[in-house]
Amino acid sequence: MLAVAHWVLYRLARNYRGMVTEQNGKWYLENSYHTMMAMIEQAP
């Protein structure tokens, strides 16, 4: 779920400048990737 939230924020930051102001789109995309990789590697 968290990865999806990061993905949505990435898309908003990429497509609607000024809508997401905490981080840039690249930050959200990288966090989405790292969250998914952690879920794959650490899932039981």
Protein backbone atom coordinates (compact mmCIF):
# COMPACT_ATOMS: atom_id res chain seq x y z
CA MET A 1 0.00 0.00 0.00
CA LEU A 2 2.80 2.41 0.83
CA ALA A 3 4.45 1.77 -2.53
CA VAL A 4 1.17 2.69 -4.26
CA ALA A 5 0.97 5.93 -2.28
CA HIS A 6 4.51 6.83 -3.34
CA TRP A 7 3.65 5.99 -6.95
CA VAL A 8 0.58 8.25 -6.86
CA LEU A 9 2.60 11.11 -5.35
CA TYR A 10 5.26 10.59 -8.04
CA ARG A 11 2.63 10.85 -10.77
CA LEU A 12 1.11 13.96 -9.19
CA ALA A 13 4.52 15.61 -8.83
CA ARG A 14 5.43 14.72 -12.40
CA ASN A 15 2.17 15.78 -14.05
CA TYR A 16 0.98 18.68 -11.89
CA ARG A 17 3.78 21.01 -10.92
CA GLY A 18 3.15 22.73 -7.60
CA MET A 19 0.59 20.19 -6.38
CA VAL A 20 3.15 18.12 -4.45
CA THR A 21 5.64 20.34 -2.67
CA GLU A 22 7.32 18.13 -0.04
CA GLN A 23 9.62 16.27 -2.45
CA ASN A 24 10.18 16.06 -6.19
CA GLY A 25 8.85 13.28 -8.41
CA LYS A 26 12.15 11.39 -8.53
CA TRP A 27 12.18 11.07 -4.72
CA TYR A 28 8.72 9.50 -4.69
CA LEU A 29 9.58 7.17 -7.58
CA GLU A 30 12.76 5.97 -5.85
CA ASN A 31 10.90 5.42 -2.58
CA SER A 32 8.24 3.42 -4.39
CA TYR A 33 10.95 1.22 -5.91
CA HIS A 34 12.79 0.68 -2.63
CA THR A 35 9.56 -0.11 -0.79
CA MET A 36 8.61 -2.74 -3.37
CA MET A 37 12.08 -4.28 -3.33
CA ALA A 38 12.02 -4.49 0.48
CA MET A 39 8.61 -6.16 0.34
CA ILE A 40 9.92 -8.75 -2.12
CA GLU A 41 13.15 -9.43 -0.25
CA GLN A 42 11.75 -9.44 3.28
CA ALA A 43 8.34 -11.00 2.77
CA PRO A 44 7.84 -14.36 4.47
